[in-house]
Amino acid sequence: FKKNQTPCGRFSPIASVPDISKPISNLLLYPNPAKNKLTLQFSSVIEKSTFEIYSITGALQMKSQLNQGLNQDVDVSSLAPGLYFLQIINNQQIITKKFVKL
């Protein structure tokens, strides 16, 4: 073999490991409108994700890590009544959903 070659051809001394996080698939929020608790239901198990809740004015109201699983309960009792945007963020995508807090 020639220098810097393998039986399969050239190689690179730099290796990378692909991110194996799954994209977030369908997300359902309920109840909507919510009073004290908002349930996030995913169609497949989520990993390495965070959520952020923003007010209608764009102010960050809440931020936390999501546990691995299909369903997550979020305590929204401290939020004032109004319209909010929930963002789920992982390494591959961001999903934004609206909900109403009573």
Protein backbone atom coordinates (compact mmCIF):
# COMPACT_ATOMS: atom_id res chain seq x y z
CA PHE A 1 0.00 0.00 0.00
CA LYS A 2 1.06 3.55 -0.64
CA LYS A 3 1.52 5.99 2.20
CA ASN A 4 -1.84 7.22 3.66
CA GLN A 5 -3.79 4.44 1.95
CA THR A 6 -5.62 1.33 3.06
CA PRO A 7 -7.02 -1.53 0.98
CA CYS A 8 -10.16 0.60 0.62
CA GLY A 9 -8.33 3.75 -0.47
CA ARG A 10 -7.33 6.95 1.31
CA PHE A 11 -7.95 7.46 5.00
CA SER A 12 -8.18 10.51 7.17
CA PRO A 13 -6.43 10.64 10.54
CA ILE A 14 -9.37 12.69 11.83
CA ALA A 15 -12.31 10.60 12.97
CA SER A 16 -15.70 11.72 14.14
CA VAL A 17 -18.55 9.99 15.89
CA PRO A 18 -21.99 10.78 14.52
CA ASP A 19 -24.66 12.11 16.85
CA ILE A 20 -27.07 9.23 17.42
CA SER A 21 -29.86 11.29 18.99
CA LYS A 22 -33.18 10.59 17.37
CA PRO A 23 -35.14 13.51 16.00
CA ILE A 24 -38.21 14.46 18.00
CA SER A 25 -41.26 13.02 16.35
CA ASN A 26 -44.87 14.03 16.85
CA LEU A 27 -45.50 16.02 20.01
CA LEU A 28 -48.91 16.39 21.62
CA LEU A 29 -49.60 18.93 24.40
CA TYR A 30 -52.57 18.46 26.70
CA PRO A 31 -54.69 19.75 28.26
CA ASN A 32 -54.67 22.87 26.15
CA PRO A 33 -55.70 25.22 27.70
CA ALA A 34 -53.79 24.15 30.83
CA LYS A 35 -54.38 25.20 34.40
CA ASN A 36 -51.61 23.71 36.58
CA LYS A 37 -50.01 20.90 34.60
CA LEU A 38 -49.12 20.50 30.93
CA THR A 39 -48.40 17.00 29.64
CA LEU A 40 -46.01 16.53 26.73
CA GLN A 41 -46.64 13.27 24.89
CA PHE A 42 -44.10 12.10 22.32
CA SER A 43 -44.68 9.37 19.73
CA SER A 44 -41.22 7.91 20.43
CA VAL A 45 -38.80 8.03 23.36
CA ILE A 46 -36.92 11.32 23.56
CA GLU A 47 -33.31 11.73 24.67
CA LYS A 48 -31.02 14.67 25.44
CA SER A 49 -33.69 17.33 25.14
CA THR A 50 -34.59 20.53 26.92
CA PHE A 51 -37.73 22.59 26.95
CA GLU A 52 -38.21 26.34 27.13
CA ILE A 53 -41.43 28.26 27.65
CA TYR A 54 -41.73 31.79 26.26
CA SER A 55 -44.43 34.39 26.82
CA ILE A 56 -46.20 36.04 23.91
CA THR A 57 -43.68 38.90 24.22
CA GLY A 58 -40.75 36.50 23.79
CA ALA A 59 -39.58 36.55 27.41
CA LEU A 60 -38.18 33.23 28.66
CA GLN A 61 -40.44 32.03 31.50
CA MET A 62 -39.12 28.54 32.19
CA LYS A 63 -36.29 26.23 31.07
CA SER A 64 -35.49 22.66 32.10
CA GLN A 65 -34.16 19.29 30.96
CA LEU A 66 -36.61 16.63 29.83
CA ASN A 67 -36.35 13.14 31.24
CA GLN A 68 -36.00 10.25 28.83
CA GLY A 69 -39.41 8.79 28.03
CA LEU A 70 -42.67 9.17 26.15
CA ASN A 71 -44.59 11.47 28.52
CA GLN A 72 -43.44 14.47 30.54
CA ASP A 73 -45.47 16.58 32.96
CA VAL A 74 -44.58 20.26 33.27
CA ASP A 75 -45.83 22.33 36.22
CA VAL A 76 -47.19 25.55 34.71
CA SER A 77 -49.04 26.72 37.85
CA SER A 78 -46.57 29.60 38.37
CA LEU A 79 -47.27 31.09 34.94
CA ALA A 80 -49.71 33.98 34.59
CA PRO A 81 -52.78 33.33 32.40
CA GLY A 82 -52.05 33.89 28.71
CA LEU A 83 -50.63 32.49 25.49
CA TYR A 84 -47.23 30.75 25.63
CA PHE A 85 -44.82 29.02 23.27
CA LEU A 86 -43.15 25.78 24.28
CA GLN A 87 -39.91 24.86 22.51
CA ILE A 88 -38.42 21.38 22.65
CA ILE A 89 -34.75 21.42 21.70
CA ASN A 90 -32.39 18.55 20.98
CA ASN A 91 -29.23 18.17 18.88
CA GLN A 92 -31.16 17.73 15.64
CA GLN A 93 -34.17 20.03 15.76
CA ILE A 94 -36.38 22.53 17.54
CA ILE A 95 -40.14 22.08 17.80
CA THR A 96 -42.37 24.96 18.85
CA LYS A 97 -45.96 24.54 20.04
CA LYS A 98 -48.49 27.05 21.40
CA PHE A 99 -50.52 26.57 24.54
CA VAL A 100 -52.87 28.64 26.66
CA LYS A 101 -52.47 28.94 30.44
CA LEU A 102 -55.74 29.57 32.30
